[in-house]
Amino acid sequence: LKKRGLVVQPYKIGPDFIDPSHHT
């Protein structure tokens, strides 16, 4: 989606710290 030029806001359900670091 970012490659298509969209501004993507990521979220992670739950208390995890690691997946959000990849999203960011």
mmCIF file of all heavy atoms, coordinates in Angstrom:
data_MODEL
# 
_entry.id   MODEL 
# 
loop_
_atom_site.group_PDB 
_atom_site.id 
_atom_site.type_symbol 
_atom_site.label_atom_id 
_atom_site.label_alt_id 
_atom_site.label_comp_id 
_atom_site.label_asym_id 
_atom_site.label_entity_id 
_atom_site.label_seq_id 
_atom_site.pdbx_PDB_ins_code 
_atom_site.Cartn_x 
_atom_site.Cartn_y 
_atom_site.Cartn_z 
_atom_site.occupancy 
_atom_site.B_iso_or_equiv 
_atom_site.pdbx_formal_charge 
_atom_site.auth_seq_id 
_atom_site.auth_comp_id 
_atom_site.auth_asym_id 
_atom_site.auth_atom_id 
_atom_site.pdbx_PDB_model_num 
ATOM 1   N N   . LEU A 1 1  ? 0.835  -1.204 0.000  1.00 0.00 ? 1  LEU A N   1 
ATOM 2   C CA  . LEU A 1 1  ? 0.000  0.000  0.000  1.00 0.00 ? 1  LEU A CA  1 
ATOM 3   C C   . LEU A 1 1  ? 0.870  1.255  0.000  1.00 0.00 ? 1  LEU A C   1 
ATOM 4   O O   . LEU A 1 1  ? 0.563  2.237  -0.690 1.00 0.00 ? 1  LEU A O   1 
ATOM 5   C CB  . LEU A 1 1  ? -0.929 -0.011 1.210  1.00 0.00 ? 1  LEU A CB  1 
ATOM 6   C CG  . LEU A 1 1  ? -2.029 -1.076 1.202  1.00 0.00 ? 1  LEU A CG  1 
ATOM 7   C CD1 . LEU A 1 1  ? -2.731 -1.135 2.555  1.00 0.00 ? 1  LEU A CD1 1 
ATOM 8   C CD2 . LEU A 1 1  ? -3.046 -0.803 0.097  1.00 0.00 ? 1  LEU A CD2 1 
ATOM 9   N N   . LYS A 1 2  ? 1.956  1.222  0.778  1.00 0.00 ? 2  LYS A N   1 
ATOM 10  C CA  . LYS A 1 2  ? 2.857  2.374  0.786  1.00 0.00 ? 2  LYS A CA  1 
ATOM 11  C C   . LYS A 1 2  ? 3.500  2.551  -0.585 1.00 0.00 ? 2  LYS A C   1 
ATOM 12  O O   . LYS A 1 2  ? 3.678  3.677  -1.065 1.00 0.00 ? 2  LYS A O   1 
ATOM 13  C CB  . LYS A 1 2  ? 3.930  2.200  1.863  1.00 0.00 ? 2  LYS A CB  1 
ATOM 14  C CG  . LYS A 1 2  ? 4.818  3.430  1.992  1.00 0.00 ? 2  LYS A CG  1 
ATOM 15  C CD  . LYS A 1 2  ? 5.877  3.260  3.060  1.00 0.00 ? 2  LYS A CD  1 
ATOM 16  C CE  . LYS A 1 2  ? 6.756  4.514  3.153  1.00 0.00 ? 2  LYS A CE  1 
ATOM 17  N NZ  . LYS A 1 2  ? 7.870  4.339  4.107  1.00 0.00 ? 2  LYS A NZ  1 
ATOM 18  N N   . LYS A 1 3  ? 3.834  1.456  -1.249 1.00 0.00 ? 3  LYS A N   1 
ATOM 19  C CA  . LYS A 1 3  ? 4.420  1.508  -2.581 1.00 0.00 ? 3  LYS A CA  1 
ATOM 20  C C   . LYS A 1 3  ? 3.473  2.183  -3.562 1.00 0.00 ? 3  LYS A C   1 
ATOM 21  O O   . LYS A 1 3  ? 3.906  2.835  -4.523 1.00 0.00 ? 3  LYS A O   1 
ATOM 22  C CB  . LYS A 1 3  ? 4.753  0.090  -3.044 1.00 0.00 ? 3  LYS A CB  1 
ATOM 23  C CG  . LYS A 1 3  ? 5.426  0.001  -4.403 1.00 0.00 ? 3  LYS A CG  1 
ATOM 24  C CD  . LYS A 1 3  ? 5.736  -1.452 -4.749 1.00 0.00 ? 3  LYS A CD  1 
ATOM 25  C CE  . LYS A 1 3  ? 6.302  -1.574 -6.153 1.00 0.00 ? 3  LYS A CE  1 
ATOM 26  N NZ  . LYS A 1 3  ? 6.566  -2.994 -6.509 1.00 0.00 ? 3  LYS A NZ  1 
ATOM 27  N N   . ARG A 1 4  ? 2.155  2.069  -3.317 1.00 0.00 ? 4  ARG A N   1 
ATOM 28  C CA  . ARG A 1 4  ? 1.156  2.708  -4.179 1.00 0.00 ? 4  ARG A CA  1 
ATOM 29  C C   . ARG A 1 4  ? 0.971  4.193  -3.857 1.00 0.00 ? 4  ARG A C   1 
ATOM 30  O O   . ARG A 1 4  ? 0.123  4.853  -4.454 1.00 0.00 ? 4  ARG A O   1 
ATOM 31  C CB  . ARG A 1 4  ? -0.185 1.993  -4.024 1.00 0.00 ? 4  ARG A CB  1 
ATOM 32  C CG  . ARG A 1 4  ? -0.210 0.627  -4.693 1.00 0.00 ? 4  ARG A CG  1 
ATOM 33  C CD  . ARG A 1 4  ? -1.501 -0.127 -4.394 1.00 0.00 ? 4  ARG A CD  1 
ATOM 34  N NE  . ARG A 1 4  ? -1.544 -1.370 -5.158 1.00 0.00 ? 4  ARG A NE  1 
ATOM 35  C CZ  . ARG A 1 4  ? -2.359 -1.614 -6.174 1.00 0.00 ? 4  ARG A CZ  1 
ATOM 36  N NH1 . ARG A 1 4  ? -3.238 -0.698 -6.540 1.00 0.00 ? 4  ARG A NH1 1 
ATOM 37  N NH2 . ARG A 1 4  ? -2.317 -2.766 -6.811 1.00 0.00 ? 4  ARG A NH2 1 
ATOM 38  N N   . GLY A 1 5  ? 1.725  4.691  -2.901 1.00 0.00 ? 5  GLY A N   1 
ATOM 39  C CA  . GLY A 1 5  ? 1.659  6.109  -2.571 1.00 0.00 ? 5  GLY A CA  1 
ATOM 40  C C   . GLY A 1 5  ? 0.707  6.457  -1.452 1.00 0.00 ? 5  GLY A C   1 
ATOM 41  O O   . GLY A 1 5  ? 0.483  7.639  -1.172 1.00 0.00 ? 5  GLY A O   1 
ATOM 42  N N   . LEU A 1 6  ? 0.131  5.444  -0.782 1.00 0.00 ? 6  LEU A N   1 
ATOM 43  C CA  . LEU A 1 6  ? -0.798 5.713  0.310  1.00 0.00 ? 6  LEU A CA  1 
ATOM 44  C C   . LEU A 1 6  ? -0.040 5.935  1.619  1.00 0.00 ? 6  LEU A C   1 
ATOM 45  O O   . LEU A 1 6  ? 1.007  5.326  1.859  1.00 0.00 ? 6  LEU A O   1 
ATOM 46  C CB  . LEU A 1 6  ? -1.770 4.536  0.484  1.00 0.00 ? 6  LEU A CB  1 
ATOM 47  C CG  . LEU A 1 6  ? -2.725 4.271  -0.684 1.00 0.00 ? 6  LEU A CG  1 
ATOM 48  C CD1 . LEU A 1 6  ? -3.548 3.024  -0.416 1.00 0.00 ? 6  LEU A CD1 1 
ATOM 49  C CD2 . LEU A 1 6  ? -3.638 5.463  -0.921 1.00 0.00 ? 6  LEU A CD2 1 
ATOM 50  N N   . VAL A 1 7  ? -0.581 6.820  2.447  1.00 0.00 ? 7  VAL A N   1 
ATOM 51  C CA  . VAL A 1 7  ? -0.051 7.014  3.796  1.00 0.00 ? 7  VAL A CA  1 
ATOM 52  C C   . VAL A 1 7  ? -0.737 5.984  4.687  1.00 0.00 ? 7  VAL A C   1 
ATOM 53  O O   . VAL A 1 7  ? -1.946 6.061  4.921  1.00 0.00 ? 7  VAL A O   1 
ATOM 54  C CB  . VAL A 1 7  ? -0.312 8.436  4.306  1.00 0.00 ? 7  VAL A CB  1 
ATOM 55  C CG1 . VAL A 1 7  ? 0.213  8.592  5.732  1.00 0.00 ? 7  VAL A CG1 1 
ATOM 56  C CG2 . VAL A 1 7  ? 0.344  9.457  3.380  1.00 0.00 ? 7  VAL A CG2 1 
ATOM 57  N N   . VAL A 1 8  ? 0.022  5.011  5.148  1.00 0.00 ? 8  VAL A N   1 
ATOM 58  C CA  . VAL A 1 8  ? -0.523 3.876  5.891  1.00 0.00 ? 8  VAL A CA  1 
ATOM 59  C C   . VAL A 1 8  ? -0.269 4.059  7.383  1.00 0.00 ? 8  VAL A C   1 
ATOM 60  O O   . VAL A 1 8  ? 0.878  4.224  7.812  1.00 0.00 ? 8  VAL A O   1 
ATOM 61  C CB  . VAL A 1 8  ? 0.115  2.555  5.418  1.00 0.00 ? 8  VAL A CB  1 
ATOM 62  C CG1 . VAL A 1 8  ? -0.504 1.366  6.158  1.00 0.00 ? 8  VAL A CG1 1 
ATOM 63  C CG2 . VAL A 1 8  ? -0.044 2.395  3.907  1.00 0.00 ? 8  VAL A CG2 1 
ATOM 64  N N   . GLN A 1 9  ? -1.338 4.049  8.177  1.00 0.00 ? 9  GLN A N   1 
ATOM 65  C CA  . GLN A 1 9  ? -1.191 4.097  9.632  1.00 0.00 ? 9  GLN A CA  1 
ATOM 66  C C   . GLN A 1 9  ? -1.325 2.677  10.182 1.00 0.00 ? 9  GLN A C   1 
ATOM 67  O O   . GLN A 1 9  ? -2.360 2.046  10.047 1.00 0.00 ? 9  GLN A O   1 
ATOM 68  C CB  . GLN A 1 9  ? -2.241 4.997  10.280 1.00 0.00 ? 9  GLN A CB  1 
ATOM 69  C CG  . GLN A 1 9  ? -2.213 4.974  11.809 1.00 0.00 ? 9  GLN A CG  1 
ATOM 70  C CD  . GLN A 1 9  ? -0.853 5.332  12.391 1.00 0.00 ? 9  GLN A CD  1 
ATOM 71  O OE1 . GLN A 1 9  ? -0.219 6.282  11.948 1.00 0.00 ? 9  GLN A OE1 1 
ATOM 72  N NE2 . GLN A 1 9  ? -0.391 4.569  13.370 1.00 0.00 ? 9  GLN A NE2 1 
ATOM 73  N N   . PRO A 1 10 ? -0.260 2.155  10.805 1.00 0.00 ? 10 PRO A N   1 
ATOM 74  C CA  . PRO A 1 10 ? -0.296 0.788  11.319 1.00 0.00 ? 10 PRO A CA  1 
ATOM 75  C C   . PRO A 1 10 ? -0.758 0.716  12.775 1.00 0.00 ? 10 PRO A C   1 
ATOM 76  O O   . PRO A 1 10 ? -0.540 1.646  13.569 1.00 0.00 ? 10 PRO A O   1 
ATOM 77  C CB  . PRO A 1 10 ? 1.166  0.350  11.202 1.00 0.00 ? 10 PRO A CB  1 
ATOM 78  C CG  . PRO A 1 10 ? 1.946  1.622  11.395 1.00 0.00 ? 10 PRO A CG  1 
ATOM 79  C CD  . PRO A 1 10 ? 1.095  2.741  10.863 1.00 0.00 ? 10 PRO A CD  1 
ATOM 80  N N   . TYR A 1 11 ? -1.378 -0.403 13.097 1.00 0.00 ? 11 TYR A N   1 
ATOM 81  C CA  . TYR A 1 11 ? -1.805 -0.683 14.471 1.00 0.00 ? 11 TYR A CA  1 
ATOM 82  C C   . TYR A 1 11 ? -1.566 -2.157 14.771 1.00 0.00 ? 11 TYR A C   1 
ATOM 83  O O   . TYR A 1 11 ? -1.558 -2.997 13.879 1.00 0.00 ? 11 TYR A O   1 
ATOM 84  C CB  . TYR A 1 11 ? -3.296 -0.387 14.676 1.00 0.00 ? 11 TYR A CB  1 
ATOM 85  C CG  . TYR A 1 11 ? -3.680 1.052  14.543 1.00 0.00 ? 11 TYR A CG  1 
ATOM 86  C CD1 . TYR A 1 11 ? -4.102 1.565  13.322 1.00 0.00 ? 11 TYR A CD1 1 
ATOM 87  C CD2 . TYR A 1 11 ? -3.649 1.910  15.638 1.00 0.00 ? 11 TYR A CD2 1 
ATOM 88  C CE1 . TYR A 1 11 ? -4.466 2.889  13.190 1.00 0.00 ? 11 TYR A CE1 1 
ATOM 89  C CE2 . TYR A 1 11 ? -4.014 3.239  15.520 1.00 0.00 ? 11 TYR A CE2 1 
ATOM 90  C CZ  . TYR A 1 11 ? -4.426 3.721  14.292 1.00 0.00 ? 11 TYR A CZ  1 
ATOM 91  O OH  . TYR A 1 11 ? -4.783 5.040  14.168 1.00 0.00 ? 11 TYR A OH  1 
ATOM 92  N N   . LYS A 1 12 ? -1.425 -2.449 16.060 1.00 0.00 ? 12 LYS A N   1 
ATOM 93  C CA  . LYS A 1 12 ? -1.305 -3.826 16.519 1.00 0.00 ? 12 LYS A CA  1 
ATOM 94  C C   . LYS A 1 12 ? -2.278 -4.059 17.668 1.00 0.00 ? 12 LYS A C   1 
ATOM 95  O O   . LYS A 1 12 ? -2.277 -3.325 18.657 1.00 0.00 ? 12 LYS A O   1 
ATOM 96  C CB  . LYS A 1 12 ? 0.126  -4.114 16.994 1.00 0.00 ? 12 LYS A CB  1 
ATOM 97  C CG  . LYS A 1 12 ? 0.307  -5.449 17.698 1.00 0.00 ? 12 LYS A CG  1 
ATOM 98  C CD  . LYS A 1 12 ? 0.080  -6.633 16.787 1.00 0.00 ? 12 LYS A CD  1 
ATOM 99  C CE  . LYS A 1 12 ? 0.290  -7.961 17.542 1.00 0.00 ? 12 LYS A CE  1 
ATOM 100 N NZ  . LYS A 1 12 ? 0.073  -9.143 16.673 1.00 0.00 ? 12 LYS A NZ  1 
ATOM 101 N N   . ILE A 1 13 ? -3.123 -5.052 17.534 1.00 0.00 ? 13 ILE A N   1 
ATOM 102 C CA  . ILE A 1 13 ? -4.037 -5.410 18.612 1.00 0.00 ? 13 ILE A CA  1 
ATOM 103 C C   . ILE A 1 13 ? -3.259 -6.158 19.683 1.00 0.00 ? 13 ILE A C   1 
ATOM 104 O O   . ILE A 1 13 ? -2.456 -7.042 19.391 1.00 0.00 ? 13 ILE A O   1 
ATOM 105 C CB  . ILE A 1 13 ? -5.198 -6.264 18.075 1.00 0.00 ? 13 ILE A CB  1 
ATOM 106 C CG1 . ILE A 1 13 ? -6.084 -5.421 17.147 1.00 0.00 ? 13 ILE A CG1 1 
ATOM 107 C CG2 . ILE A 1 13 ? -6.031 -6.846 19.217 1.00 0.00 ? 13 ILE A CG2 1 
ATOM 108 C CD1 . ILE A 1 13 ? -7.176 -6.203 16.444 1.00 0.00 ? 13 ILE A CD1 1 
ATOM 109 N N   . GLY A 1 14 ? -3.498 -5.783 20.935 1.00 0.00 ? 14 GLY A N   1 
ATOM 110 C CA  . GLY A 1 14 ? -2.826 -6.432 22.051 1.00 0.00 ? 14 GLY A CA  1 
ATOM 111 C C   . GLY A 1 14 ? -1.638 -5.647 22.552 1.00 0.00 ? 14 GLY A C   1 
ATOM 112 O O   . GLY A 1 14 ? -1.328 -4.558 22.072 1.00 0.00 ? 14 GLY A O   1 
ATOM 113 N N   . PRO A 1 15 ? -0.922 -6.209 23.534 1.00 0.00 ? 15 PRO A N   1 
ATOM 114 C CA  . PRO A 1 15 ? 0.140  -5.468 24.231 1.00 0.00 ? 15 PRO A CA  1 
ATOM 115 C C   . PRO A 1 15 ? 1.530  -5.632 23.644 1.00 0.00 ? 15 PRO A C   1 
ATOM 116 O O   . PRO A 1 15 ? 2.504  -5.171 24.241 1.00 0.00 ? 15 PRO A O   1 
ATOM 117 C CB  . PRO A 1 15 ? 0.088  -6.094 25.637 1.00 0.00 ? 15 PRO A CB  1 
ATOM 118 C CG  . PRO A 1 15 ? -0.305 -7.517 25.374 1.00 0.00 ? 15 PRO A CG  1 
ATOM 119 C CD  . PRO A 1 15 ? -1.254 -7.484 24.203 1.00 0.00 ? 15 PRO A CD  1 
ATOM 120 N N   . ASP A 1 16 ? 1.647  -6.267 22.489 1.00 0.00 ? 16 ASP A N   1 
ATOM 121 C CA  . ASP A 1 16 ? 2.949  -6.597 21.910 1.00 0.00 ? 16 ASP A CA  1 
ATOM 122 C C   . ASP A 1 16 ? 3.762  -5.347 21.547 1.00 0.00 ? 16 ASP A C   1 
ATOM 123 O O   . ASP A 1 16 ? 3.218  -4.347 21.100 1.00 0.00 ? 16 ASP A O   1 
ATOM 124 C CB  . ASP A 1 16 ? 2.721  -7.447 20.655 1.00 0.00 ? 16 ASP A CB  1 
ATOM 125 C CG  . ASP A 1 16 ? 4.009  -7.785 19.937 1.00 0.00 ? 16 ASP A CG  1 
ATOM 126 O OD1 . ASP A 1 16 ? 4.915  -8.310 20.590 1.00 0.00 ? 16 ASP A OD1 1 
ATOM 127 O OD2 . ASP A 1 16 ? 4.106  -7.505 18.732 1.00 0.00 ? 16 ASP A OD2 1 
ATOM 128 N N   . PHE A 1 17 ? 5.090  -5.431 21.743 1.00 0.00 ? 17 PHE A N   1 
ATOM 129 C CA  . PHE A 1 17 ? 5.991  -4.339 21.369 1.00 0.00 ? 17 PHE A CA  1 
ATOM 130 C C   . PHE A 1 17 ? 6.727  -4.605 20.056 1.00 0.00 ? 17 PHE A C   1 
ATOM 131 O O   . PHE A 1 17 ? 7.192  -3.675 19.406 1.00 0.00 ? 17 PHE A O   1 
ATOM 132 C CB  . PHE A 1 17 ? 7.057  -4.134 22.456 1.00 0.00 ? 17 PHE A CB  1 
ATOM 133 C CG  . PHE A 1 17 ? 6.527  -3.629 23.765 1.00 0.00 ? 17 PHE A CG  1 
ATOM 134 C CD1 . PHE A 1 17 ? 6.349  -4.489 24.833 1.00 0.00 ? 17 PHE A CD1 1 
ATOM 135 C CD2 . PHE A 1 17 ? 6.202  -2.294 23.930 1.00 0.00 ? 17 PHE A CD2 1 
ATOM 136 C CE1 . PHE A 1 17 ? 5.861  -4.034 26.039 1.00 0.00 ? 17 PHE A CE1 1 
ATOM 137 C CE2 . PHE A 1 17 ? 5.714  -1.818 25.133 1.00 0.00 ? 17 PHE A CE2 1 
ATOM 138 C CZ  . PHE A 1 17 ? 5.541  -2.689 26.195 1.00 0.00 ? 17 PHE A CZ  1 
ATOM 139 N N   . ILE A 1 18 ? 6.869  -5.862 19.688 1.00 0.00 ? 18 ILE A N   1 
ATOM 140 C CA  . ILE A 1 18 ? 7.795  -6.210 18.608 1.00 0.00 ? 18 ILE A CA  1 
ATOM 141 C C   . ILE A 1 18 ? 7.177  -6.003 17.236 1.00 0.00 ? 18 ILE A C   1 
ATOM 142 O O   . ILE A 1 18 ? 7.772  -5.357 16.361 1.00 0.00 ? 18 ILE A O   1 
ATOM 143 C CB  . ILE A 1 18 ? 8.291  -7.657 18.793 1.00 0.00 ? 18 ILE A CB  1 
ATOM 144 C CG1 . ILE A 1 18 ? 8.980  -7.789 20.153 1.00 0.00 ? 18 ILE A CG1 1 
ATOM 145 C CG2 . ILE A 1 18 ? 9.251  -8.032 17.674 1.00 0.00 ? 18 ILE A CG2 1 
ATOM 146 C CD1 . ILE A 1 18 ? 9.387  -9.195 20.523 1.00 0.00 ? 18 ILE A CD1 1 
ATOM 147 N N   . ASP A 1 19 ? 5.972  -6.539 17.003 1.00 0.00 ? 19 ASP A N   1 
ATOM 148 C CA  . ASP A 1 19 ? 5.313  -6.318 15.711 1.00 0.00 ? 19 ASP A CA  1 
ATOM 149 C C   . ASP A 1 19 ? 5.182  -4.830 15.381 1.00 0.00 ? 19 ASP A C   1 
ATOM 150 O O   . ASP A 1 19 ? 5.425  -4.429 14.234 1.00 0.00 ? 19 ASP A O   1 
ATOM 151 C CB  . ASP A 1 19 ? 3.937  -6.982 15.690 1.00 0.00 ? 19 ASP A CB  1 
ATOM 152 C CG  . ASP A 1 19 ? 4.033  -8.504 15.571 1.00 0.00 ? 19 ASP A CG  1 
ATOM 153 O OD1 . ASP A 1 19 ? 5.053  -8.998 15.082 1.00 0.00 ? 19 ASP A OD1 1 
ATOM 154 O OD2 . ASP A 1 19 ? 3.079  -9.192 15.982 1.00 0.00 ? 19 ASP A OD2 1 
ATOM 155 N N   . PRO A 1 20 ? 4.799  -3.973 16.345 1.00 0.00 ? 20 PRO A N   1 
ATOM 156 C CA  . PRO A 1 20 ? 4.712  -2.544 16.020 1.00 0.00 ? 20 PRO A CA  1 
ATOM 157 C C   . PRO A 1 20 ? 6.024  -1.942 15.539 1.00 0.00 ? 20 PRO A C   1 
ATOM 158 O O   . PRO A 1 20 ? 6.014  -1.002 14.740 1.00 0.00 ? 20 PRO A O   1 
ATOM 159 C CB  . PRO A 1 20 ? 4.263  -1.904 17.343 1.00 0.00 ? 20 PRO A CB  1 
ATOM 160 C CG  . PRO A 1 20 ? 3.486  -2.973 18.021 1.00 0.00 ? 20 PRO A CG  1 
ATOM 161 C CD  . PRO A 1 20 ? 4.229  -4.248 17.688 1.00 0.00 ? 20 PRO A CD  1 
ATOM 162 N N   . SER A 1 21 ? 7.160  -2.465 16.001 1.00 0.00 ? 21 SER A N   1 
ATOM 163 C CA  . SER A 1 21 ? 8.445  -1.917 15.538 1.00 0.00 ? 21 SER A CA  1 
ATOM 164 C C   . SER A 1 21 ? 8.648  -2.201 14.055 1.00 0.00 ? 21 SER A C   1 
ATOM 165 O O   . SER A 1 21 ? 9.227  -1.383 13.334 1.00 0.00 ? 21 SER A O   1 
ATOM 166 C CB  . SER A 1 21 ? 9.602  -2.490 16.366 1.00 0.00 ? 21 SER A CB  1 
ATOM 167 O OG  . SER A 1 21 ? 9.875  -3.848 16.037 1.00 0.00 ? 21 SER A OG  1 
ATOM 168 N N   . HIS A 1 22 ? 8.167  -3.334 13.574 1.00 0.00 ? 22 HIS A N   1 
ATOM 169 C CA  . HIS A 1 22 ? 8.241  -3.648 12.148 1.00 0.00 ? 22 HIS A CA  1 
ATOM 170 C C   . HIS A 1 22 ? 7.267  -2.772 11.360 1.00 0.00 ? 22 HIS A C   1 
ATOM 171 O O   . HIS A 1 22 ? 7.601  -2.271 10.288 1.00 0.00 ? 22 HIS A O   1 
ATOM 172 C CB  . HIS A 1 22 ? 7.944  -5.131 11.921 1.00 0.00 ? 22 HIS A CB  1 
ATOM 173 C CG  . HIS A 1 22 ? 9.003  -6.037 12.439 1.00 0.00 ? 22 HIS A CG  1 
ATOM 174 N ND1 . HIS A 1 22 ? 10.084 -6.421 11.681 1.00 0.00 ? 22 HIS A ND1 1 
ATOM 175 C CD2 . HIS A 1 22 ? 9.171  -6.610 13.659 1.00 0.00 ? 22 HIS A CD2 1 
ATOM 176 C CE1 . HIS A 1 22 ? 10.862 -7.213 12.408 1.00 0.00 ? 22 HIS A CE1 1 
ATOM 177 N NE2 . HIS A 1 22 ? 10.330 -7.346 13.613 1.00 0.00 ? 22 HIS A NE2 1 
ATOM 178 N N   . HIS A 1 23 ? 6.060  -2.603 11.897 1.00 0.00 ? 23 HIS A N   1 
ATOM 179 C CA  . HIS A 1 23 ? 5.088  -1.718 11.234 1.00 0.00 ? 23 HIS A CA  1 
ATOM 180 C C   . HIS A 1 23 ? 5.669  -0.321 11.055 1.00 0.00 ? 23 HIS A C   1 
ATOM 181 O O   . HIS A 1 23 ? 5.545  0.304  9.994  1.00 0.00 ? 23 HIS A O   1 
ATOM 182 C CB  . HIS A 1 23 ? 3.816  -1.605 12.071 1.00 0.00 ? 23 HIS A CB  1 
ATOM 183 C CG  . HIS A 1 23 ? 3.106  -2.889 12.323 1.00 0.00 ? 23 HIS A CG  1 
ATOM 184 N ND1 . HIS A 1 23 ? 2.062  -2.976 13.212 1.00 0.00 ? 23 HIS A ND1 1 
ATOM 185 C CD2 . HIS A 1 23 ? 3.269  -4.126 11.804 1.00 0.00 ? 23 HIS A CD2 1 
ATOM 186 C CE1 . HIS A 1 23 ? 1.616  -4.219 13.230 1.00 0.00 ? 23 HIS A CE1 1 
ATOM 187 N NE2 . HIS A 1 23 ? 2.329  -4.936 12.387 1.00 0.00 ? 23 HIS A NE2 1 
ATOM 188 N N   . THR A 1 24 ? 6.274  0.190  12.114 1.00 0.00 ? 24 THR A N   1 
ATOM 189 C CA  . THR A 1 24 ? 6.824  1.548  12.094 1.00 0.00 ? 24 THR A CA  1 
ATOM 190 C C   . THR A 1 24 ? 7.901  1.689  11.023 1.00 0.00 ? 24 THR A C   1 
ATOM 191 O O   . THR A 1 24 ? 7.949  2.678  10.289 1.00 0.00 ? 24 THR A O   1 
ATOM 192 C CB  . THR A 1 24 ? 7.391  1.902  13.480 1.00 0.00 ? 24 THR A CB  1 
ATOM 193 O OG1 . THR A 1 24 ? 6.322  1.856  14.451 1.00 0.00 ? 24 THR A OG1 1 
ATOM 194 C CG2 . THR A 1 24 ? 8.015  3.290  13.492 1.00 0.00 ? 24 THR A CG2 1 
# 
